[in-house]
């Protein structure tokens, strides 16, 4: 159980590290640190794959343990992580990762947001996503 939480935290740390590395490299070559090729987000695995694996992990935790009911605050952490990955998905593909978008083969399979996470609370597109998700 602790291992699963560790994996989620590790994934977030890797994303932060990758971004900070990008900023450092961009400064060395004189680029604007906020400008980059969005395809860089697909390093090792695509953002769609990362979002799907994150959601799969949540489903596994929910099905195999009582962690999310016993320590309910972890749901908020996982929801924020999901929204973070959704934002990257939007930056990479230019569409919201909901409804028909996540069923399209061009992005790879992305499962729906687990119900345990509740509605999306990301301020950039929460209203649009919640309308699309119903």
C-alpha atoms as a PDB file:
ATOM      1  CA  UNK A   1       0.000   0.000   0.000  1.00  0.00           C
ATOM      2  CA  UNK A   2       2.783   2.404   0.934  1.00  0.00           C
ATOM      3  CA  UNK A   3       4.608   1.256  -2.205  1.00  0.00           C
ATOM      4  CA  UNK A   4       1.717   2.410  -4.404  1.00  0.00           C
ATOM      5  CA  UNK A   5       1.701   5.849  -2.806  1.00  0.00           C
ATOM      6  CA  UNK A   6       5.467   6.000  -3.202  1.00  0.00           C
ATOM      7  CA  UNK A   7       5.099   5.254  -6.927  1.00  0.00           C
ATOM      8  CA  UNK A   8       2.573   8.078  -7.376  1.00  0.00           C
ATOM      9  CA  UNK A   9       4.815  10.537  -5.516  1.00  0.00           C
ATOM     10  CA  UNK A  10       7.810   9.353  -7.530  1.00  0.00           C
ATOM     11  CA  UNK A  11       5.978   9.959 -10.823  1.00  0.00           C
ATOM     12  CA  UNK A  12       5.130  13.501  -9.769  1.00  0.00           C
ATOM     13  CA  UNK A  13       8.730  14.102  -8.691  1.00  0.00           C
ATOM     14  CA  UNK A  14       9.980  12.850 -12.068  1.00  0.00           C
ATOM     15  CA  UNK A  15       7.673  15.240 -13.928  1.00  0.00           C
ATOM     16  CA  UNK A  16       8.869  18.163 -11.803  1.00  0.00           C
ATOM     17  CA  UNK A  17      12.488  17.122 -12.288  1.00  0.00           C
ATOM     18  CA  UNK A  18      12.023  16.838 -16.062  1.00  0.00           C
ATOM     19  CA  UNK A  19      10.520  20.311 -16.249  1.00  0.00           C
ATOM     20  CA  UNK A  20      13.260  21.849 -14.102  1.00  0.00           C
ATOM     21  CA  UNK A  21      15.877  20.133 -16.265  1.00  0.00           C
ATOM     22  CA  UNK A  22      14.208  21.569 -19.354  1.00  0.00           C
ATOM     23  CA  UNK A  23      14.310  25.054 -17.827  1.00  0.00           C
ATOM     24  CA  UNK A  24      18.001  24.700 -16.962  1.00  0.00           C
ATOM     25  CA  UNK A  25      18.900  23.488 -20.457  1.00  0.00           C
ATOM     26  CA  UNK A  26      16.803  26.202 -22.078  1.00  0.00           C
ATOM     27  CA  UNK A  27      18.618  28.869 -20.078  1.00  0.00           C
ATOM     28  CA  UNK A  28      21.978  27.484 -21.212  1.00  0.00           C
ATOM     29  CA  UNK A  29      21.044  27.734 -24.876  1.00  0.00           C
ATOM     30  CA  UNK A  30      19.288  31.088 -24.490  1.00  0.00           C
ATOM     31  CA  UNK A  31      15.726  29.912 -25.098  1.00  0.00           C
ATOM     32  CA  UNK A  32      12.714  31.205 -23.240  1.00  0.00           C
ATOM     33  CA  UNK A  33      12.185  28.688 -20.441  1.00  0.00           C
ATOM     34  CA  UNK A  34       8.407  28.729 -21.006  1.00  0.00           C
ATOM     35  CA  UNK A  35       8.685  27.833 -24.681  1.00  0.00           C
ATOM     36  CA  UNK A  36       9.189  24.209 -25.616  1.00  0.00           C
ATOM     37  CA  UNK A  37       8.030  21.593 -28.065  1.00  0.00           C
ATOM     38  CA  UNK A  38       5.005  19.892 -26.498  1.00  0.00           C
ATOM     39  CA  UNK A  39       6.198  16.596 -27.952  1.00  0.00           C
ATOM     40  CA  UNK A  40       8.860  16.700 -25.228  1.00  0.00           C
ATOM     41  CA  UNK A  41       6.034  15.708 -22.864  1.00  0.00           C
ATOM     42  CA  UNK A  42       6.062  12.269 -24.510  1.00  0.00           C
ATOM     43  CA  UNK A  43       9.524  11.383 -23.208  1.00  0.00           C
ATOM     44  CA  UNK A  44       9.656   7.641 -22.435  1.00  0.00           C
ATOM     45  CA  UNK A  45       5.846   7.311 -22.407  1.00  0.00           C
ATOM     46  CA  UNK A  46       3.188   9.552 -23.877  1.00  0.00           C
ATOM     47  CA  UNK A  47       1.133  11.793 -21.617  1.00  0.00           C
ATOM     48  CA  UNK A  48      -1.928   9.751 -22.612  1.00  0.00           C
ATOM     49  CA  UNK A  49      -0.196   6.577 -21.407  1.00  0.00           C
ATOM     50  CA  UNK A  50       0.919   8.244 -18.162  1.00  0.00           C
ATOM     51  CA  UNK A  51      -2.619   9.479 -17.465  1.00  0.00           C
ATOM     52  CA  UNK A  52      -4.042   6.028 -18.172  1.00  0.00           C
ATOM     53  CA  UNK A  53      -1.476   4.306 -15.927  1.00  0.00           C
ATOM     54  CA  UNK A  54      -2.159   6.802 -13.133  1.00  0.00           C
ATOM     55  CA  UNK A  55      -5.875   6.023 -13.353  1.00  0.00           C
ATOM     56  CA  UNK A  56      -5.199   2.294 -13.486  1.00  0.00           C
ATOM     57  CA  UNK A  57      -3.135   2.602 -10.308  1.00  0.00           C
ATOM     58  CA  UNK A  58      -5.996   4.424  -8.556  1.00  0.00           C
ATOM     59  CA  UNK A  59      -8.440   1.696  -9.619  1.00  0.00           C
ATOM     60  CA  UNK A  60      -6.056  -0.968  -8.306  1.00  0.00           C
ATOM     61  CA  UNK A  61      -5.615   0.812  -4.976  1.00  0.00           C
ATOM     62  CA  UNK A  62      -9.375   1.203  -4.630  1.00  0.00           C
ATOM     63  CA  UNK A  63     -10.090  -2.436  -5.535  1.00  0.00           C
ATOM     64  CA  UNK A  64      -7.262  -4.027  -3.546  1.00  0.00           C
ATOM     65  CA  UNK A  65      -7.061  -1.933  -0.390  1.00  0.00           C
ATOM     66  CA  UNK A  66      -9.097   0.231   1.941  1.00  0.00           C
ATOM     67  CA  UNK A  67      -6.513   3.016   1.756  1.00  0.00           C
ATOM     68  CA  UNK A  68      -8.771   5.522   0.026  1.00  0.00           C
ATOM     69  CA  UNK A  69     -11.507   5.090   2.641  1.00  0.00           C
ATOM     70  CA  UNK A  70      -9.271   4.713   5.686  1.00  0.00           C
ATOM     71  CA  UNK A  71      -7.032   7.620   4.745  1.00  0.00           C
ATOM     72  CA  UNK A  72      -9.441   9.698   2.692  1.00  0.00           C
ATOM     73  CA  UNK A  73      -7.048  12.649   2.300  1.00  0.00           C
ATOM     74  CA  UNK A  74      -5.085  10.622  -0.242  1.00  0.00           C
ATOM     75  CA  UNK A  75      -8.049  10.939  -2.608  1.00  0.00           C
ATOM     76  CA  UNK A  76      -7.408  14.688  -2.793  1.00  0.00           C
ATOM     77  CA  UNK A  77      -3.744  14.133  -3.561  1.00  0.00           C
ATOM     78  CA  UNK A  78      -4.573  11.624  -6.291  1.00  0.00           C
ATOM     79  CA  UNK A  79      -7.253  13.922  -7.737  1.00  0.00           C
ATOM     80  CA  UNK A  80      -4.768  16.800  -7.935  1.00  0.00           C
ATOM     81  CA  UNK A  81      -2.230  14.529  -9.629  1.00  0.00           C
ATOM     82  CA  UNK A  82      -4.905  13.428 -12.113  1.00  0.00           C
ATOM     83  CA  UNK A  83      -5.748  17.061 -12.890  1.00  0.00           C
ATOM     84  CA  UNK A  84      -2.051  17.837 -13.320  1.00  0.00           C
ATOM     85  CA  UNK A  85      -1.751  15.048 -15.898  1.00  0.00           C
ATOM     86  CA  UNK A  86      -4.995  16.177 -17.555  1.00  0.00           C
ATOM     87  CA  UNK A  87      -3.484  19.642 -17.982  1.00  0.00           C
ATOM     88  CA  UNK A  88      -0.389  18.124 -19.599  1.00  0.00           C
ATOM     89  CA  UNK A  89      -2.672  16.055 -21.859  1.00  0.00           C
ATOM     90  CA  UNK A  90      -4.431  19.269 -22.900  1.00  0.00           C
ATOM     91  CA  UNK A  91      -1.113  21.065 -23.502  1.00  0.00           C
ATOM     92  CA  UNK A  92       0.171  18.140 -25.572  1.00  0.00           C
ATOM     93  CA  UNK A  93      -2.893  17.332 -27.680  1.00  0.00           C
ATOM     94  CA  UNK A  94      -4.979  20.527 -27.519  1.00  0.00           C
ATOM     95  CA  UNK A  95      -8.140  18.713 -26.435  1.00  0.00           C
ATOM     96  CA  UNK A  96      -9.663  17.830 -23.101  1.00  0.00           C
ATOM     97  CA  UNK A  97      -9.046  14.217 -22.007  1.00  0.00           C
ATOM     98  CA  UNK A  98     -12.720  13.304 -21.596  1.00  0.00           C
ATOM     99  CA  UNK A  99     -15.573  11.708 -23.518  1.00  0.00           C
ATOM    100  CA  UNK A 100     -14.835  10.712 -27.095  1.00  0.00           C
ATOM    101  CA  UNK A 101     -11.329  12.195 -26.940  1.00  0.00           C
ATOM    102  CA  UNK A 102     -10.048   9.453 -24.661  1.00  0.00           C
ATOM    103  CA  UNK A 103     -11.549   6.767 -26.898  1.00  0.00           C
ATOM    104  CA  UNK A 104      -9.682   7.933 -30.003  1.00  0.00           C
ATOM    105  CA  UNK A 105      -6.844   5.659 -31.031  1.00  0.00           C
ATOM    106  CA  UNK A 106      -4.587   8.565 -32.016  1.00  0.00           C
ATOM    107  CA  UNK A 107      -3.902   9.181 -28.304  1.00  0.00           C
ATOM    108  CA  UNK A 108      -3.836   5.581 -27.189  1.00  0.00           C
ATOM    109  CA  UNK A 109      -6.272   4.178 -24.679  1.00  0.00           C
ATOM    110  CA  UNK A 110      -7.003   6.420 -21.694  1.00  0.00           C
ATOM    111  CA  UNK A 111      -9.510   5.154 -19.153  1.00  0.00           C
ATOM    112  CA  UNK A 112     -12.075   7.524 -17.682  1.00  0.00           C
ATOM    113  CA  UNK A 113     -11.366   9.476 -14.512  1.00  0.00           C
ATOM    114  CA  UNK A 114     -12.136   7.170 -11.569  1.00  0.00           C
ATOM    115  CA  UNK A 115     -15.332   8.134  -9.742  1.00  0.00           C
ATOM    116  CA  UNK A 116     -13.528   8.113  -6.402  1.00  0.00           C
ATOM    117  CA  UNK A 117     -11.685  11.288  -7.496  1.00  0.00           C
ATOM    118  CA  UNK A 118     -14.888  13.260  -7.935  1.00  0.00           C
ATOM    119  CA  UNK A 119     -15.303  16.054 -10.446  1.00  0.00           C
ATOM    120  CA  UNK A 120     -12.302  17.821 -11.928  1.00  0.00           C
ATOM    121  CA  UNK A 121     -11.340  20.900  -9.965  1.00  0.00           C
ATOM    122  CA  UNK A 122      -8.624  22.310 -12.237  1.00  0.00           C
ATOM    123  CA  UNK A 123      -9.404  26.016 -12.656  1.00  0.00           C
ATOM    124  CA  UNK A 124      -8.388  26.151 -16.317  1.00  0.00           C
ATOM    125  CA  UNK A 125     -11.053  23.796 -17.575  1.00  0.00           C
ATOM    126  CA  UNK A 126     -13.088  22.359 -14.695  1.00  0.00           C
ATOM    127  CA  UNK A 127     -16.403  23.699 -15.997  1.00  0.00           C
ATOM    128  CA  UNK A 128     -15.899  22.308 -19.507  1.00  0.00           C
ATOM    129  CA  UNK A 129     -14.773  18.896 -18.266  1.00  0.00           C
ATOM    130  CA  UNK A 130     -17.551  18.570 -15.716  1.00  0.00           C
ATOM    131  CA  UNK A 131     -20.134  19.423 -18.370  1.00  0.00           C
ATOM    132  CA  UNK A 132     -18.646  16.840 -20.755  1.00  0.00           C
ATOM    133  CA  UNK A 133     -18.385  14.191 -18.043  1.00  0.00           C
ATOM    134  CA  UNK A 134     -21.950  14.788 -16.844  1.00  0.00           C
END
